[in-house]
Amino acid sequence: MFNIYKKQRIREIPVEIDADYNNIPYSSVLFLTKYSDFEESFFDKFGNEHWKTVTSELFTTCIVNLLITRKIKAVYYTDRKSILFNLIKIDSEGFNIFSTENLVNNQHDDILANNLLDVLSTIPIHTLENYLLAINLVVNKYIGTGKSARPEKKFFYEYLKVYSIEHHWIKLKEESKLFGLFSDFNVTLEEDKKLELHEFQKKYNSIKFHLRKNNVLFRNFLTYTENVVSVDFFTRYPDN
């Protein structure tokens, strides 16, 4: 029987990290040091575009930390779609990520890191687009599969709520407004922990700058990661 349509992987190149890096603790919440000095309800003044940036940074910092500490590996791939008995060939490219550890060892100080490693352990290794699926499953864990007018903000709140329960140096306060139709919230950090996270953020920025400058695949991986997160949340907005 002839196949009118066929998709196959024709190339894979791993993203090589040129040095051994130590773990950067609490990676997914490091960006909070940039906002924690602002007035109450500051986060509720963000527009949707700013929420997209915040959520992208939350995921990207965590994923890069897993990559540079070799908890995961990233692989650049090229797929080829053949249509009408190979008369038409279309190539597409992207990245996949894979856990390098057994699930029993996947205990991190960062909640999102554990979420990602847990999800990756359940996805068959030959899944063609496992990165998109991994992000999707993690986001589903916090906000489900339904539509939302501000899915990035909803995810941020639900994730920080869990984080603040496990790590008491994060304080998350919510206030209902207009008889419960709307809610404001603000995030504060204990001063000692804020200074510690600030140092971790500087360390992360230095590593990322070095890798972006010297590693083309890593630079492309960063861009792809931001796109994967953006696309997942875009699909959660109500249909026009």
C-alpha atoms as a PDB file:
ATOM      1  CA  MET A   1       0.000   0.000   0.000  1.00  0.00           C
ATOM      2  CA  PHE A   2       1.364   3.439  -0.942  1.00  0.00           C
ATOM      3  CA  ASN A   3       1.627   6.282   1.569  1.00  0.00           C
ATOM      4  CA  ILE A   4       0.368   9.620   0.266  1.00  0.00           C
ATOM      5  CA  TYR A   5       1.778  11.355   3.356  1.00  0.00           C
ATOM      6  CA  LYS A   6       4.883  10.486   5.354  1.00  0.00           C
ATOM      7  CA  LYS A   7       6.790  12.288   8.123  1.00  0.00           C
ATOM      8  CA  GLN A   8      10.269  11.297   9.181  1.00  0.00           C
ATOM      9  CA  ARG A   9      13.101  12.699  11.252  1.00  0.00           C
ATOM     10  CA  ILE A  10      16.135  13.302   9.069  1.00  0.00           C
ATOM     11  CA  ARG A  11      18.568  15.052  11.437  1.00  0.00           C
ATOM     12  CA  GLU A  12      19.269  15.449  15.145  1.00  0.00           C
ATOM     13  CA  ILE A  13      22.017  17.577  16.738  1.00  0.00           C
ATOM     14  CA  PRO A  14      22.413  17.830  20.529  1.00  0.00           C
ATOM     15  CA  VAL A  15      22.921  21.214  22.181  1.00  0.00           C
ATOM     16  CA  GLU A  16      26.395  20.947  23.674  1.00  0.00           C
ATOM     17  CA  ILE A  17      27.206  22.822  26.891  1.00  0.00           C
ATOM     18  CA  ASP A  18      30.882  23.729  27.096  1.00  0.00           C
ATOM     19  CA  ALA A  19      31.356  23.593  30.874  1.00  0.00           C
ATOM     20  CA  ASP A  20      30.053  22.033  34.073  1.00  0.00           C
ATOM     21  CA  TYR A  21      27.769  24.418  35.935  1.00  0.00           C
ATOM     22  CA  ASN A  22      26.407  24.181  39.458  1.00  0.00           C
ATOM     23  CA  ASN A  23      22.676  24.191  40.065  1.00  0.00           C
ATOM     24  CA  ILE A  24      21.070  27.621  40.444  1.00  0.00           C
ATOM     25  CA  PRO A  25      18.478  27.226  43.228  1.00  0.00           C
ATOM     26  CA  TYR A  26      14.838  28.317  42.868  1.00  0.00           C
ATOM     27  CA  SER A  27      15.414  29.054  39.200  1.00  0.00           C
ATOM     28  CA  SER A  28      11.793  29.584  38.158  1.00  0.00           C
ATOM     29  CA  VAL A  29      11.206  32.423  40.643  1.00  0.00           C
ATOM     30  CA  LEU A  30      14.480  34.340  40.310  1.00  0.00           C
ATOM     31  CA  PHE A  31      12.766  37.022  38.211  1.00  0.00           C
ATOM     32  CA  LEU A  32      10.685  38.037  41.258  1.00  0.00           C
ATOM     33  CA  THR A  33      13.661  40.001  42.549  1.00  0.00           C
ATOM     34  CA  LYS A  34      12.944  42.534  39.784  1.00  0.00           C
ATOM     35  CA  TYR A  35       9.411  43.258  40.994  1.00  0.00           C
ATOM     36  CA  SER A  36       9.235  42.625  44.740  1.00  0.00           C
ATOM     37  CA  ASP A  37       9.989  46.219  45.742  1.00  0.00           C
ATOM     38  CA  PHE A  38       6.950  47.636  44.003  1.00  0.00           C
ATOM     39  CA  GLU A  39       3.715  48.638  45.663  1.00  0.00           C
ATOM     40  CA  GLU A  40       0.919  46.215  46.428  1.00  0.00           C
ATOM     41  CA  SER A  41      -1.094  44.968  43.465  1.00  0.00           C
ATOM     42  CA  PHE A  42       1.744  45.899  41.118  1.00  0.00           C
ATOM     43  CA  PHE A  43       1.323  42.640  39.209  1.00  0.00           C
ATOM     44  CA  ASP A  44      -2.306  43.455  38.520  1.00  0.00           C
ATOM     45  CA  LYS A  45      -1.223  46.560  36.627  1.00  0.00           C
ATOM     46  CA  PHE A  46       0.515  44.398  34.040  1.00  0.00           C
ATOM     47  CA  GLY A  47      -1.080  44.197  30.629  1.00  0.00           C
ATOM     48  CA  ASN A  48      -1.343  40.889  28.812  1.00  0.00           C
ATOM     49  CA  GLU A  49       1.899  41.437  26.896  1.00  0.00           C
ATOM     50  CA  HIS A  50       3.836  41.864  30.141  1.00  0.00           C
ATOM     51  CA  TRP A  51       2.281  38.707  31.569  1.00  0.00           C
ATOM     52  CA  LYS A  52       3.512  36.820  28.521  1.00  0.00           C
ATOM     53  CA  THR A  53       7.045  38.051  29.229  1.00  0.00           C
ATOM     54  CA  VAL A  54       6.857  37.111  32.908  1.00  0.00           C
ATOM     55  CA  THR A  55       5.575  33.596  32.201  1.00  0.00           C
ATOM     56  CA  SER A  56       8.149  33.045  29.452  1.00  0.00           C
ATOM     57  CA  GLU A  57      10.946  34.057  31.819  1.00  0.00           C
ATOM     58  CA  LEU A  58       9.611  31.782  34.539  1.00  0.00           C
ATOM     59  CA  PHE A  59       9.810  28.752  32.235  1.00  0.00           C
ATOM     60  CA  THR A  60      12.979  29.706  30.371  1.00  0.00           C
ATOM     61  CA  THR A  61      15.136  30.256  33.450  1.00  0.00           C
ATOM     62  CA  CYS A  62      14.086  26.915  34.890  1.00  0.00           C
ATOM     63  CA  ILE A  63      14.659  25.009  31.636  1.00  0.00           C
ATOM     64  CA  VAL A  64      18.064  26.605  31.002  1.00  0.00           C
ATOM     65  CA  ASN A  65      19.141  25.675  34.527  1.00  0.00           C
ATOM     66  CA  LEU A  66      18.124  22.057  33.916  1.00  0.00           C
ATOM     67  CA  LEU A  67      20.042  22.092  30.643  1.00  0.00           C
ATOM     68  CA  ILE A  68      23.309  23.564  31.950  1.00  0.00           C
ATOM     69  CA  THR A  69      23.311  21.170  34.926  1.00  0.00           C
ATOM     70  CA  ARG A  70      22.641  18.275  32.537  1.00  0.00           C
ATOM     71  CA  LYS A  71      19.367  17.240  34.160  1.00  0.00           C
ATOM     72  CA  ILE A  72      17.901  17.415  30.676  1.00  0.00           C
ATOM     73  CA  LYS A  73      19.373  17.372  27.193  1.00  0.00           C
ATOM     74  CA  ALA A  74      18.113  19.384  24.244  1.00  0.00           C
ATOM     75  CA  VAL A  75      18.286  18.153  20.669  1.00  0.00           C
ATOM     76  CA  TYR A  76      17.816  20.207  17.516  1.00  0.00           C
ATOM     77  CA  TYR A  77      15.916  18.270  14.854  1.00  0.00           C
ATOM     78  CA  THR A  78      14.799  18.514  11.250  1.00  0.00           C
ATOM     79  CA  ASP A  79      11.685  16.632  10.128  1.00  0.00           C
ATOM     80  CA  ARG A  80      10.647  16.028   6.532  1.00  0.00           C
ATOM     81  CA  LYS A  81       7.062  15.745   5.358  1.00  0.00           C
ATOM     82  CA  SER A  82       6.643  13.921   2.070  1.00  0.00           C
ATOM     83  CA  ILE A  83       3.343  14.357   0.236  1.00  0.00           C
ATOM     84  CA  LEU A  84       1.979  12.732  -2.933  1.00  0.00           C
ATOM     85  CA  PHE A  85       4.530   9.950  -3.108  1.00  0.00           C
ATOM     86  CA  ASN A  86       7.519  12.265  -2.434  1.00  0.00           C
ATOM     87  CA  LEU A  87       6.539  14.759  -5.134  1.00  0.00           C
ATOM     88  CA  ILE A  88       6.343  17.472  -2.446  1.00  0.00           C
ATOM     89  CA  LYS A  89       8.848  17.644   0.416  1.00  0.00           C
ATOM     90  CA  ILE A  90       8.586  20.110   3.302  1.00  0.00           C
ATOM     91  CA  ASP A  91      11.214  20.368   6.031  1.00  0.00           C
ATOM     92  CA  SER A  92      10.477  21.688   9.531  1.00  0.00           C
ATOM     93  CA  GLU A  93      12.795  22.210  12.484  1.00  0.00           C
ATOM     94  CA  GLY A  94      12.653  22.544  16.242  1.00  0.00           C
ATOM     95  CA  PHE A  95      13.995  21.221  19.530  1.00  0.00           C
ATOM     96  CA  ASN A  96      13.094  18.344  21.803  1.00  0.00           C
ATOM     97  CA  ILE A  97      14.103  17.922  25.448  1.00  0.00           C
ATOM     98  CA  PHE A  98      14.723  14.708  27.365  1.00  0.00           C
ATOM     99  CA  SER A  99      15.312  13.922  31.023  1.00  0.00           C
ATOM    100  CA  THR A 100      18.750  12.418  31.725  1.00  0.00           C
ATOM    101  CA  GLU A 101      17.870  11.050  35.172  1.00  0.00           C
ATOM    102  CA  ASN A 102      15.690   8.347  36.626  1.00  0.00           C
ATOM    103  CA  LEU A 103      12.490   9.636  38.204  1.00  0.00           C
ATOM    104  CA  VAL A 104      13.680   8.615  41.677  1.00  0.00           C
ATOM    105  CA  ASN A 105      16.506  11.170  41.432  1.00  0.00           C
ATOM    106  CA  ASN A 106      14.375  13.990  40.070  1.00  0.00           C
ATOM    107  CA  GLN A 107      14.031  15.938  43.307  1.00  0.00           C
ATOM    108  CA  HIS A 108      14.859  19.586  42.837  1.00  0.00           C
ATOM    109  CA  ASP A 109      14.628  22.651  45.047  1.00  0.00           C
ATOM    110  CA  ASP A 110      12.468  24.192  42.314  1.00  0.00           C
ATOM    111  CA  ILE A 111       8.868  23.067  41.864  1.00  0.00           C
ATOM    112  CA  LEU A 112       8.686  23.763  38.137  1.00  0.00           C
ATOM    113  CA  ALA A 113      11.875  21.776  37.585  1.00  0.00           C
ATOM    114  CA  ASN A 114      10.281  18.782  39.304  1.00  0.00           C
ATOM    115  CA  ASN A 115       7.095  19.240  37.272  1.00  0.00           C
ATOM    116  CA  LEU A 116       9.033  19.216  33.996  1.00  0.00           C
ATOM    117  CA  LEU A 117      11.174  16.230  34.925  1.00  0.00           C
ATOM    118  CA  ASP A 118       8.123  14.268  36.066  1.00  0.00           C
ATOM    119  CA  VAL A 119       6.283  15.000  32.820  1.00  0.00           C
ATOM    120  CA  LEU A 120       9.272  14.150  30.639  1.00  0.00           C
ATOM    121  CA  SER A 121       9.536  10.757  32.337  1.00  0.00           C
ATOM    122  CA  THR A 122       6.018   9.903  31.102  1.00  0.00           C
ATOM    123  CA  ILE A 123       6.440  10.966  27.454  1.00  0.00           C
ATOM    124  CA  PRO A 124       7.666   8.228  25.070  1.00  0.00           C
ATOM    125  CA  ILE A 125      11.169   9.074  23.894  1.00  0.00           C
ATOM    126  CA  HIS A 126      10.220   8.863  20.211  1.00  0.00           C
ATOM    127  CA  THR A 127       7.404  11.432  20.447  1.00  0.00           C
ATOM    128  CA  LEU A 128       8.237  13.814  17.573  1.00  0.00           C
ATOM    129  CA  GLU A 129       7.263  17.060  19.319  1.00  0.00           C
ATOM    130  CA  ASN A 130       7.714  16.212  22.980  1.00  0.00           C
ATOM    131  CA  TYR A 131       8.750  19.732  24.016  1.00  0.00           C
ATOM    132  CA  LEU A 132       5.363  21.218  23.139  1.00  0.00           C
ATOM    133  CA  LEU A 133       3.637  18.328  24.894  1.00  0.00           C
ATOM    134  CA  ALA A 134       5.759  18.695  28.040  1.00  0.00           C
ATOM    135  CA  ILE A 135       4.959  22.406  28.416  1.00  0.00           C
ATOM    136  CA  ASN A 136       1.286  21.728  27.739  1.00  0.00           C
ATOM    137  CA  LEU A 137       1.044  19.048  30.424  1.00  0.00           C
ATOM    138  CA  VAL A 138       2.790  21.200  33.043  1.00  0.00           C
ATOM    139  CA  VAL A 139       0.511  24.184  32.398  1.00  0.00           C
ATOM    140  CA  ASN A 140      -2.538  21.893  32.491  1.00  0.00           C
ATOM    141  CA  LYS A 141      -1.491  20.818  35.980  1.00  0.00           C
ATOM    142  CA  TYR A 142      -2.127  24.336  37.280  1.00  0.00           C
ATOM    143  CA  ILE A 143      -4.938  25.789  35.171  1.00  0.00           C
ATOM    144  CA  GLY A 144      -6.533  22.826  33.406  1.00  0.00           C
ATOM    145  CA  THR A 145      -7.369  22.718  29.705  1.00  0.00           C
ATOM    146  CA  GLY A 146     -10.094  25.356  29.532  1.00  0.00           C
ATOM    147  CA  LYS A 147     -10.025  28.818  27.970  1.00  0.00           C
ATOM    148  CA  SER A 148      -9.108  31.960  29.897  1.00  0.00           C
ATOM    149  CA  ALA A 149      -8.996  35.689  29.139  1.00  0.00           C
ATOM    150  CA  ARG A 150      -5.586  35.935  30.864  1.00  0.00           C
ATOM    151  CA  PRO A 151      -4.107  32.427  31.000  1.00  0.00           C
ATOM    152  CA  GLU A 152      -0.538  33.618  31.727  1.00  0.00           C
ATOM    153  CA  LYS A 153      -1.687  35.578  34.768  1.00  0.00           C
ATOM    154  CA  LYS A 154      -3.851  32.671  35.932  1.00  0.00           C
ATOM    155  CA  PHE A 155      -0.923  30.272  35.669  1.00  0.00           C
ATOM    156  CA  PHE A 156       1.399  32.673  37.488  1.00  0.00           C
ATOM    157  CA  TYR A 157      -0.992  32.978  40.408  1.00  0.00           C
ATOM    158  CA  GLU A 158      -1.716  29.257  40.730  1.00  0.00           C
ATOM    159  CA  TYR A 159       1.968  28.385  40.474  1.00  0.00           C
ATOM    160  CA  LEU A 160       3.061  31.018  43.013  1.00  0.00           C
ATOM    161  CA  LYS A 161       0.316  29.863  45.353  1.00  0.00           C
ATOM    162  CA  VAL A 162       1.817  26.365  45.405  1.00  0.00           C
ATOM    163  CA  TYR A 163       5.348  27.785  45.662  1.00  0.00           C
ATOM    164  CA  SER A 164       4.466  29.973  48.638  1.00  0.00           C
ATOM    165  CA  ILE A 165       3.033  26.993  50.530  1.00  0.00           C
ATOM    166  CA  GLU A 166       6.274  25.051  50.159  1.00  0.00           C
ATOM    167  CA  HIS A 167       8.615  28.038  50.517  1.00  0.00           C
ATOM    168  CA  HIS A 168       7.450  30.389  53.258  1.00  0.00           C
ATOM    169  CA  TRP A 169       9.873  33.159  52.272  1.00  0.00           C
ATOM    170  CA  ILE A 170       7.453  33.957  49.444  1.00  0.00           C
ATOM    171  CA  LYS A 171       4.266  35.700  50.561  1.00  0.00           C
ATOM    172  CA  LEU A 172       1.317  35.750  48.207  1.00  0.00           C
ATOM    173  CA  LYS A 173      -1.649  37.920  49.169  1.00  0.00           C
ATOM    174  CA  GLU A 174      -4.957  37.982  47.317  1.00  0.00           C
ATOM    175  CA  GLU A 175      -7.802  40.447  47.720  1.00  0.00           C
ATOM    176  CA  SER A 176     -11.225  40.135  46.112  1.00  0.00           C
ATOM    177  CA  LYS A 177     -12.799  43.182  44.471  1.00  0.00           C
ATOM    178  CA  LEU A 178     -16.201  44.012  43.030  1.00  0.00           C
ATOM    179  CA  PHE A 179     -17.920  41.380  45.138  1.00  0.00           C
ATOM    180  CA  GLY A 180     -15.523  38.636  44.082  1.00  0.00           C
ATOM    181  CA  LEU A 181     -15.649  39.281  40.349  1.00  0.00           C
ATOM    182  CA  PHE A 182     -12.011  40.378  40.312  1.00  0.00           C
ATOM    183  CA  SER A 183      -9.019  39.749  42.518  1.00  0.00           C
ATOM    184  CA  ASP A 184      -5.748  41.570  43.096  1.00  0.00           C
ATOM    185  CA  PHE A 185      -2.635  39.997  44.529  1.00  0.00           C
ATOM    186  CA  ASN A 186       0.865  41.007  45.445  1.00  0.00           C
ATOM    187  CA  VAL A 187       4.064  39.050  46.007  1.00  0.00           C
ATOM    188  CA  THR A 188       6.682  39.831  48.635  1.00  0.00           C
ATOM    189  CA  LEU A 189       9.973  38.135  49.502  1.00  0.00           C
ATOM    190  CA  GLU A 190      11.772  37.983  52.819  1.00  0.00           C
ATOM    191  CA  GLU A 191      14.685  40.395  52.668  1.00  0.00           C
ATOM    192  CA  ASP A 192      17.464  37.838  53.245  1.00  0.00           C
ATOM    193  CA  LYS A 193      16.059  35.511  50.611  1.00  0.00           C
ATOM    194  CA  LYS A 194      15.589  38.393  48.163  1.00  0.00           C
ATOM    195  CA  LEU A 195      19.305  39.185  48.370  1.00  0.00           C
ATOM    196  CA  GLU A 196      20.166  35.518  47.907  1.00  0.00           C
ATOM    197  CA  LEU A 197      17.920  35.183  44.861  1.00  0.00           C
ATOM    198  CA  HIS A 198      19.400  38.360  43.428  1.00  0.00           C
ATOM    199  CA  GLU A 199      22.871  36.761  43.536  1.00  0.00           C
ATOM    200  CA  PHE A 200      21.514  33.626  41.876  1.00  0.00           C
ATOM    201  CA  GLN A 201      19.945  35.797  39.165  1.00  0.00           C
ATOM    202  CA  LYS A 202      23.279  37.512  38.470  1.00  0.00           C
ATOM    203  CA  LYS A 203      24.970  34.120  38.198  1.00  0.00           C
ATOM    204  CA  TYR A 204      22.303  32.873  35.798  1.00  0.00           C
ATOM    205  CA  ASN A 205      22.526  36.017  33.648  1.00  0.00           C
ATOM    206  CA  SER A 206      26.298  35.627  33.361  1.00  0.00           C
ATOM    207  CA  ILE A 207      26.034  31.997  32.253  1.00  0.00           C
ATOM    208  CA  LYS A 208      23.248  32.754  29.775  1.00  0.00           C
ATOM    209  CA  PHE A 209      25.201  35.670  28.297  1.00  0.00           C
ATOM    210  CA  HIS A 210      28.269  33.473  27.764  1.00  0.00           C
ATOM    211  CA  LEU A 211      26.284  30.669  26.133  1.00  0.00           C
ATOM    212  CA  ARG A 212      24.245  33.007  23.929  1.00  0.00           C
ATOM    213  CA  LYS A 213      27.426  34.649  22.703  1.00  0.00           C
ATOM    214  CA  ASN A 214      29.347  31.454  21.934  1.00  0.00           C
ATOM    215  CA  ASN A 215      26.752  28.798  21.129  1.00  0.00           C
ATOM    216  CA  VAL A 216      24.434  29.269  18.146  1.00  0.00           C
ATOM    217  CA  LEU A 217      22.332  26.206  18.955  1.00  0.00           C
ATOM    218  CA  PHE A 218      21.831  27.398  22.537  1.00  0.00           C
ATOM    219  CA  ARG A 219      20.764  30.820  21.256  1.00  0.00           C
ATOM    220  CA  ASN A 220      18.233  29.202  18.942  1.00  0.00           C
ATOM    221  CA  PHE A 221      17.074  26.946  21.759  1.00  0.00           C
ATOM    222  CA  LEU A 222      16.270  30.006  23.899  1.00  0.00           C
ATOM    223  CA  THR A 223      14.173  31.511  21.117  1.00  0.00           C
ATOM    224  CA  TYR A 224      12.395  28.207  20.508  1.00  0.00           C
ATOM    225  CA  THR A 225      11.639  27.823  24.220  1.00  0.00           C
ATOM    226  CA  GLU A 226      10.040  31.263  24.341  1.00  0.00           C
ATOM    227  CA  ASN A 227       7.956  30.380  21.269  1.00  0.00           C
ATOM    228  CA  VAL A 228       6.806  27.047  22.707  1.00  0.00           C
ATOM    229  CA  VAL A 229       5.595  28.709  25.914  1.00  0.00           C
ATOM    230  CA  SER A 230       3.928  31.527  23.973  1.00  0.00           C
ATOM    231  CA  VAL A 231       2.114  29.158  21.612  1.00  0.00           C
ATOM    232  CA  ASP A 232       0.792  27.012  24.448  1.00  0.00           C
ATOM    233  CA  PHE A 233      -0.763  29.969  26.248  1.00  0.00           C
ATOM    234  CA  PHE A 234      -2.073  31.452  22.989  1.00  0.00           C
ATOM    235  CA  THR A 235      -4.181  28.321  22.443  1.00  0.00           C
ATOM    236  CA  ARG A 236      -5.814  28.903  25.839  1.00  0.00           C
ATOM    237  CA  TYR A 237      -7.336  32.279  24.927  1.00  0.00           C
ATOM    238  CA  PRO A 238     -11.058  32.291  24.035  1.00  0.00           C
ATOM    239  CA  ASP A 239     -11.783  31.917  20.343  1.00  0.00           C
ATOM    240  CA  ASN A 240     -12.593  35.194  18.609  1.00  0.00           C
END
